[in-house]
């Protein structure tokens, strides 16, 4: 609530909450911020994609990061949010499989 009040001089609404919690690249709690971090961190891990190629997990992170980075709050319908949750779950499984067997 404090962060929202600092960034938005208006009452909390669907658009501003989605912007803050999903699309704000500077908010450490936002989906986009976390995906940006994952994108940076995965580059430091050994790649199973071969020399000069991205691993499947890195590709998933990049695709998901790009999809969210170009979204507007109005694009994030309930169905889109559900789909993102499923994709993030799939990403978790890909990372676990690639790096933890």
N, C-alpha and C. Protein backbone atom coordinates (compact mmCIF):
# COMPACT_ATOMS: atom_id res chain seq x y z
N UNK A 1 0.83 -1.18 0.00
CA UNK A 1 0.00 0.00 0.00
C UNK A 1 0.88 1.25 0.00
N UNK A 2 1.95 1.22 0.78
CA UNK A 2 2.82 2.39 0.85
C UNK A 2 3.46 2.68 -0.51
N UNK A 3 3.92 1.65 -1.18
CA UNK A 3 4.54 1.84 -2.50
C UNK A 3 3.53 2.39 -3.47
N UNK A 4 2.32 1.87 -3.44
CA UNK A 4 1.27 2.35 -4.34
C UNK A 4 1.00 3.83 -4.10
N UNK A 5 0.89 4.20 -2.87
CA UNK A 5 0.61 5.62 -2.54
C UNK A 5 1.73 6.53 -3.00
N UNK A 6 2.98 6.05 -2.91
CA UNK A 6 4.11 6.85 -3.36
C UNK A 6 4.12 7.03 -4.87
N UNK A 7 3.76 5.99 -5.60
CA UNK A 7 3.86 6.04 -7.06
C UNK A 7 2.62 6.59 -7.75
N UNK A 8 1.48 6.41 -7.15
CA UNK A 8 0.23 6.81 -7.82
C UNK A 8 -0.55 7.75 -6.92
N UNK A 9 -0.78 8.97 -7.39
CA UNK A 9 -1.51 9.94 -6.57
C UNK A 9 -3.03 9.70 -6.58
N UNK A 10 -3.45 8.58 -7.11
CA UNK A 10 -4.87 8.27 -7.19
C UNK A 10 -5.18 7.08 -6.29
N UNK A 11 -6.46 6.86 -6.08
CA UNK A 11 -6.89 5.72 -5.29
C UNK A 11 -6.54 4.43 -6.04
N UNK A 12 -6.24 3.40 -5.29
CA UNK A 12 -5.88 2.12 -5.90
C UNK A 12 -7.01 1.61 -6.78
N UNK A 13 -6.65 1.21 -7.96
CA UNK A 13 -7.60 0.63 -8.90
C UNK A 13 -6.95 -0.54 -9.60
N UNK A 14 -7.73 -1.24 -10.37
CA UNK A 14 -7.22 -2.43 -11.07
C UNK A 14 -5.98 -2.10 -11.90
N UNK A 15 -6.03 -1.03 -12.68
CA UNK A 15 -4.92 -0.68 -13.57
C UNK A 15 -3.65 -0.39 -12.78
N UNK A 16 -3.75 0.42 -11.74
CA UNK A 16 -2.55 0.80 -11.00
C UNK A 16 -1.98 -0.37 -10.20
N UNK A 17 -2.84 -1.22 -9.68
CA UNK A 17 -2.36 -2.38 -8.92
C UNK A 17 -1.65 -3.37 -9.85
N UNK A 18 -2.23 -3.63 -11.02
CA UNK A 18 -1.58 -4.52 -11.99
C UNK A 18 -0.26 -3.92 -12.45
N UNK A 19 -0.26 -2.63 -12.71
CA UNK A 19 0.97 -1.97 -13.12
C UNK A 19 2.06 -2.15 -12.06
N UNK A 20 1.71 -1.95 -10.81
CA UNK A 20 2.68 -2.04 -9.72
C UNK A 20 3.15 -3.48 -9.48
N UNK A 21 2.22 -4.42 -9.43
CA UNK A 21 2.57 -5.78 -9.04
C UNK A 21 3.01 -6.69 -10.18
N UNK A 22 2.69 -6.32 -11.40
CA UNK A 22 3.07 -7.18 -12.52
C UNK A 22 4.05 -6.51 -13.47
N UNK A 23 3.86 -5.24 -13.76
CA UNK A 23 4.57 -4.62 -14.88
C UNK A 23 5.63 -3.59 -14.51
N UNK A 24 5.81 -3.32 -13.25
CA UNK A 24 6.77 -2.30 -12.83
C UNK A 24 8.19 -2.89 -12.79
N UNK A 25 9.06 -2.49 -13.70
CA UNK A 25 10.41 -3.07 -13.74
C UNK A 25 11.29 -2.63 -12.57
N UNK A 26 10.84 -1.65 -11.79
CA UNK A 26 11.63 -1.16 -10.66
C UNK A 26 11.13 -1.68 -9.32
N UNK A 27 9.99 -2.36 -9.30
CA UNK A 27 9.42 -2.88 -8.07
C UNK A 27 9.92 -4.31 -7.86
N UNK A 28 10.71 -4.56 -6.83
CA UNK A 28 11.26 -5.91 -6.61
C UNK A 28 10.19 -6.98 -6.41
N UNK A 29 8.97 -6.59 -6.14
CA UNK A 29 7.90 -7.56 -5.95
C UNK A 29 7.10 -7.83 -7.23
N UNK A 30 7.43 -7.13 -8.30
CA UNK A 30 6.64 -7.30 -9.53
C UNK A 30 7.13 -8.51 -10.33
N UNK A 31 6.23 -9.04 -11.12
CA UNK A 31 6.56 -10.18 -11.98
C UNK A 31 7.66 -9.80 -12.97
N UNK A 32 7.52 -8.64 -13.59
CA UNK A 32 8.51 -8.21 -14.58
C UNK A 32 9.90 -8.06 -13.96
N UNK A 33 9.99 -7.47 -12.78
CA UNK A 33 11.28 -7.32 -12.10
C UNK A 33 11.91 -8.69 -11.86
N UNK A 34 11.12 -9.63 -11.36
CA UNK A 34 11.64 -10.96 -11.06
C UNK A 34 12.10 -11.68 -12.33
N UNK A 35 11.36 -11.52 -13.41
CA UNK A 35 11.77 -12.14 -14.67
C UNK A 35 13.04 -11.50 -15.23
N UNK A 36 13.18 -10.19 -15.04
CA UNK A 36 14.43 -9.52 -15.45
C UNK A 36 15.61 -10.10 -14.68
N UNK A 37 15.42 -10.33 -13.39
CA UNK A 37 16.48 -10.92 -12.57
C UNK A 37 16.81 -12.34 -13.03
N UNK A 38 15.76 -13.12 -13.27
CA UNK A 38 15.98 -14.48 -13.76
C UNK A 38 16.74 -14.49 -15.08
N UNK A 39 16.36 -13.56 -15.96
CA UNK A 39 17.03 -13.46 -17.26
C UNK A 39 18.52 -13.18 -17.07
N UNK A 40 18.85 -12.31 -16.15
CA UNK A 40 20.26 -11.99 -15.88
C UNK A 40 20.98 -13.16 -15.21
N UNK A 41 20.33 -13.79 -14.26
CA UNK A 41 20.96 -14.87 -13.50
C UNK A 41 21.15 -16.14 -14.32
N UNK A 42 20.20 -16.45 -15.19
CA UNK A 42 20.31 -17.71 -15.96
C UNK A 42 21.52 -17.68 -16.88
N UNK A 43 21.92 -16.49 -17.28
CA UNK A 43 23.11 -16.37 -18.12
C UNK A 43 24.39 -16.76 -17.41
N UNK A 44 24.36 -16.79 -16.09
CA UNK A 44 25.53 -17.17 -15.31
C UNK A 44 25.60 -18.66 -15.03
N UNK A 45 24.52 -19.37 -15.32
CA UNK A 45 24.48 -20.81 -15.07
C UNK A 45 24.98 -21.57 -16.30
N UNK A 46 25.47 -22.78 -16.10
CA UNK A 46 25.91 -23.57 -17.25
C UNK A 46 24.73 -23.82 -18.19
N UNK A 47 24.97 -23.70 -19.47
CA UNK A 47 23.91 -23.84 -20.47
C UNK A 47 23.84 -25.27 -20.98
N UNK A 48 22.63 -25.79 -21.04
CA UNK A 48 22.45 -27.12 -21.64
C UNK A 48 22.09 -26.98 -23.12
N UNK A 49 22.11 -25.74 -23.61
CA UNK A 49 21.79 -25.50 -25.01
C UNK A 49 23.00 -25.65 -25.92
N UNK A 50 24.16 -25.87 -25.35
CA UNK A 50 25.37 -25.99 -26.15
C UNK A 50 26.06 -24.64 -26.27
N UNK A 51 27.28 -24.68 -26.72
CA UNK A 51 28.09 -23.46 -26.84
C UNK A 51 27.40 -22.43 -27.73
N UNK A 52 27.19 -21.25 -27.19
CA UNK A 52 26.60 -20.16 -27.96
C UNK A 52 25.09 -20.24 -28.12
N UNK A 53 24.46 -21.24 -27.50
CA UNK A 53 23.01 -21.40 -27.63
C UNK A 53 22.36 -21.26 -26.26
N UNK A 54 21.15 -20.76 -26.28
CA UNK A 54 20.41 -20.61 -25.04
C UNK A 54 19.83 -21.95 -24.61
N UNK A 55 19.79 -22.17 -23.31
CA UNK A 55 19.16 -23.37 -22.78
C UNK A 55 17.64 -23.24 -22.95
N UNK A 56 16.92 -24.35 -22.91
CA UNK A 56 15.46 -24.26 -22.99
C UNK A 56 14.87 -23.37 -21.90
N UNK A 57 15.41 -23.44 -20.69
CA UNK A 57 14.91 -22.60 -19.60
C UNK A 57 15.17 -21.13 -19.89
N UNK A 58 16.34 -20.81 -20.43
CA UNK A 58 16.66 -19.42 -20.77
C UNK A 58 15.72 -18.90 -21.85
N UNK A 59 15.38 -19.75 -22.81
CA UNK A 59 14.44 -19.36 -23.85
C UNK A 59 13.06 -19.07 -23.27
N UNK A 60 12.62 -19.93 -22.35
CA UNK A 60 11.32 -19.71 -21.70
C UNK A 60 11.30 -18.39 -20.93
N UNK A 61 12.38 -18.12 -20.20
CA UNK A 61 12.46 -16.88 -19.44
C UNK A 61 12.40 -15.68 -20.37
N UNK A 62 13.17 -15.72 -21.45
CA UNK A 62 13.19 -14.62 -22.40
C UNK A 62 11.82 -14.40 -23.03
N UNK A 63 11.16 -15.48 -23.44
CA UNK A 63 9.84 -15.36 -24.05
C UNK A 63 8.82 -14.78 -23.08
N UNK A 64 8.82 -15.28 -21.85
CA UNK A 64 7.87 -14.80 -20.85
C UNK A 64 8.18 -13.35 -20.47
N UNK A 65 9.45 -13.05 -20.31
CA UNK A 65 9.86 -11.68 -19.98
C UNK A 65 9.43 -10.70 -21.07
N UNK A 66 9.65 -11.07 -22.32
CA UNK A 66 9.28 -10.20 -23.43
C UNK A 66 7.78 -10.02 -23.51
N UNK A 67 7.04 -11.10 -23.32
CA UNK A 67 5.58 -11.02 -23.38
C UNK A 67 5.04 -10.06 -22.33
N UNK A 68 5.57 -10.13 -21.12
CA UNK A 68 5.09 -9.26 -20.05
C UNK A 68 5.59 -7.83 -20.24
N UNK A 69 6.82 -7.66 -20.70
CA UNK A 69 7.39 -6.32 -20.86
C UNK A 69 6.61 -5.46 -21.83
N UNK A 70 5.96 -6.06 -22.81
CA UNK A 70 5.22 -5.27 -23.80
C UNK A 70 3.73 -5.14 -23.46
N UNK A 71 3.31 -5.71 -22.34
CA UNK A 71 1.90 -5.64 -21.95
C UNK A 71 1.57 -4.30 -21.31
N UNK A 72 0.33 -3.94 -21.44
CA UNK A 72 -0.25 -2.80 -20.74
C UNK A 72 -1.17 -3.37 -19.66
N UNK A 73 -1.45 -2.62 -18.60
CA UNK A 73 -2.36 -3.13 -17.58
C UNK A 73 -3.70 -3.60 -18.14
N UNK A 74 -4.19 -2.92 -19.16
CA UNK A 74 -5.48 -3.31 -19.75
C UNK A 74 -5.41 -4.66 -20.47
N UNK A 75 -4.21 -5.10 -20.84
CA UNK A 75 -4.04 -6.40 -21.50
C UNK A 75 -4.17 -7.56 -20.52
N UNK A 76 -4.00 -7.29 -19.24
CA UNK A 76 -3.93 -8.35 -18.24
C UNK A 76 -5.32 -8.69 -17.71
N UNK A 77 -6.02 -9.47 -18.51
CA UNK A 77 -7.33 -9.97 -18.11
C UNK A 77 -7.14 -11.13 -17.14
N UNK A 78 -8.22 -11.59 -16.55
CA UNK A 78 -8.14 -12.74 -15.63
C UNK A 78 -7.54 -13.95 -16.35
N UNK A 79 -7.93 -14.16 -17.60
CA UNK A 79 -7.40 -15.30 -18.36
C UNK A 79 -5.90 -15.15 -18.61
N UNK A 80 -5.47 -13.95 -18.95
CA UNK A 80 -4.04 -13.71 -19.18
C UNK A 80 -3.25 -13.95 -17.90
N UNK A 81 -3.77 -13.51 -16.77
CA UNK A 81 -3.10 -13.72 -15.49
C UNK A 81 -3.02 -15.21 -15.17
N UNK A 82 -4.10 -15.94 -15.41
CA UNK A 82 -4.09 -17.40 -15.20
C UNK A 82 -3.05 -18.07 -16.11
N UNK A 83 -3.01 -17.64 -17.36
CA UNK A 83 -2.04 -18.20 -18.30
C UNK A 83 -0.60 -17.91 -17.86
N UNK A 84 -0.37 -16.69 -17.37
CA UNK A 84 0.97 -16.33 -16.87
C UNK A 84 1.35 -17.19 -15.68
N UNK A 85 0.39 -17.41 -14.78
CA UNK A 85 0.66 -18.26 -13.62
C UNK A 85 1.06 -19.66 -14.06
N UNK A 86 0.36 -20.20 -15.06
CA UNK A 86 0.71 -21.53 -15.57
C UNK A 86 2.08 -21.53 -16.24
N UNK A 87 2.38 -20.48 -17.00
CA UNK A 87 3.68 -20.40 -17.66
C UNK A 87 4.82 -20.26 -16.65
N UNK A 88 4.59 -19.50 -15.60
CA UNK A 88 5.60 -19.36 -14.55
C UNK A 88 5.80 -20.69 -13.83
N UNK A 89 4.71 -21.42 -13.61
CA UNK A 89 4.82 -22.76 -13.03
C UNK A 89 5.62 -23.69 -13.93
N UNK A 90 5.38 -23.60 -15.23
CA UNK A 90 6.14 -24.41 -16.18
C UNK A 90 7.61 -24.03 -16.19
N UNK A 91 7.88 -22.74 -16.04
CA UNK A 91 9.26 -22.26 -15.98
C UNK A 91 9.96 -22.83 -14.75
N UNK A 92 9.26 -22.82 -13.64
CA UNK A 92 9.80 -23.39 -12.41
C UNK A 92 10.17 -24.86 -12.64
N UNK A 93 9.27 -25.60 -13.28
CA UNK A 93 9.54 -27.02 -13.56
C UNK A 93 10.74 -27.18 -14.50
N UNK A 94 10.85 -26.33 -15.50
CA UNK A 94 11.99 -26.40 -16.43
C UNK A 94 13.30 -26.14 -15.71
N UNK A 95 13.31 -25.15 -14.84
CA UNK A 95 14.53 -24.84 -14.08
C UNK A 95 14.89 -25.98 -13.15
N UNK A 96 13.90 -26.52 -12.46
CA UNK A 96 14.15 -27.63 -11.54
C UNK A 96 14.70 -28.84 -12.29
N UNK A 97 14.12 -29.14 -13.43
CA UNK A 97 14.56 -30.29 -14.22
C UNK A 97 15.97 -30.08 -14.77
N UNK A 98 16.26 -28.88 -15.25
CA UNK A 98 17.56 -28.60 -15.86
C UNK A 98 18.70 -28.57 -14.84
N UNK A 99 18.43 -28.06 -13.65
CA UNK A 99 19.53 -27.82 -12.72
C UNK A 99 19.50 -28.68 -11.46
N UNK A 100 18.39 -29.38 -11.23
CA UNK A 100 18.31 -30.20 -10.02
C UNK A 100 17.92 -31.64 -10.32
N UNK A 101 17.92 -31.99 -11.60
CA UNK A 101 17.65 -33.37 -12.00
C UNK A 101 16.23 -33.67 -11.97
